[in-house]
Amino acid sequence: MVEFSPFSSFACEVFAKELEAHPPQQQHGHWAQICSGNPTNKIRGCDRYGCGQFGADRHGHKGKHTGVDVICADGATVYAPFSGQLSGPIRFFHNGNAIDDGVQIRGSGNPSFLTSLPLPSLPGYCVKLVCIHPIRYHGQIQRGQQLGRMLPMQIVFPGIISHIHLENCDHSDPTHLLTPVIGPFPQQDTRWATVCSGNPTNEIRGCDRYGCGYFGAPRRNGKGKHAAVDVICSDGATVYAPFSGELSGPIKFFHNGNAIDDGVQIRGSGFCVKLVCIHPIRYSGRIFKGQILGRMLPMQRVFPGITSHIHIENCDHSDPTPNLERGKGR
C-alpha cells in the first residue's frame, strides 16, 4: 500500500485547482494558429517544387519529408504554436539564402507553477520552425504570442506555395496537432483575466469632470445611461484579453477618427465584449485569455484630466461588472 503524506495530498489539490485555472498548453490538444491569414494551419499541397504533407517524397529520391509545410504568405506574422523556451538560430539550408533562418521551441509540458511540486511531468513538445525570422532566438514565449515574420520564399523559390517548414525535433508527424480548435471557446470559469497592466484588480473608473465609469451611470445632458464599464488603464499600457475567443474589428466608437477611436470585439463561448480606446495587435483571428491584446490609446490627448480607461461593453448591453470583479487578482 502506498502512503501519501499530507504535503503530497496538498500538492495534488493545488495541482487540480491550478490546472483548472491555468491549463497547460498540452491540454488544448491542438496548437495555436501559426501564421496570420491561415487560421486553420492549412498545409501546403503540391506544386512544382514538391508537396507539403508529412512523409511526402522529396525530389531526386532524397527520402521523405520529415516535417509539414504550413501555408504562410511572405512577410506574414508568425505566432508560437505553444508555450516554451526558444533556441536558435536554425539554419536549415546552410547557405545564407533569404529564407535560411528559423527557431526552435521546446515546451516542458508543465505550467510554471508546477515546477516545485512532486508531480510527474506532462508530455512536452519540441519543434523547429524554419523559413521565418524570429523576433528573438532565446527566452520564453507564450502560446499565440508573436514569434516573428515569414521570410521572402518567393525570392528563393519563385511560384512555390510559400510556407513555414515545421518539424518535430524527434521527426514524428505533427499534423494531428496543427488543426486549431475553431470555436466554441470553452471558458474555464466566469472570472475574466486582468485587462490592463497596472490594474490587476480591474478597478473601475470613479467619477471625474467628464462623468462616471460604472455601469448605468447617467450620461451628460440626459443622454441615457452608461451601457458599459470603464476599466482604469494608463495611456500606453498593455491590454490583455479578458477571455479566450475570436477577434473582430475595428470598432470605431466615436466615428470621428480621433486619437482613441479604435477598438476590437472578442466573442467566446458565453461572452461577447467590445473593448474601446485601445489599439489591438490585430483585428481578426483567435486570442486566448491573458494574451496581449494591444495597447491603451492616448486618452489624455482627447480628454485632458480624465481618468484614462478602457471602455468595456457587453455585446448584449448587459452589465460586465460581475465578470470583472470575480477576476480580481487573477
Foldseek 3Di string as FASTA:
>chain_A
DDDDDPQLVVLVVVCVVVCLVPPFPVVQVAFADFWPVQRFQDFAQADPQFGFAFQTQHPPRPGGQLWGWGFYAAFTWTFGRFKFWKADFQQPPPPPPQFRTWIKGKHFQDPPVCPPPPDDHHDIFIKIKTQFDFPDRGDIDGGGHTGGTHTHVCVVVPPGRRTITMHTPVSDGCVSRRGGDADQADWSDLAFAQFWPVAQLQDFAQADPQFGFAFQGQHPPRPGGQLWGWGFYAAFTWTWGRAKFWKADFQQPPPPPPQFRTWIWGDHVPFIKIKGQFDFPDRTHIDGGGHTGGTHTHVCVVVPPGRRTITIHTPVSDYSVVNSNSNRND
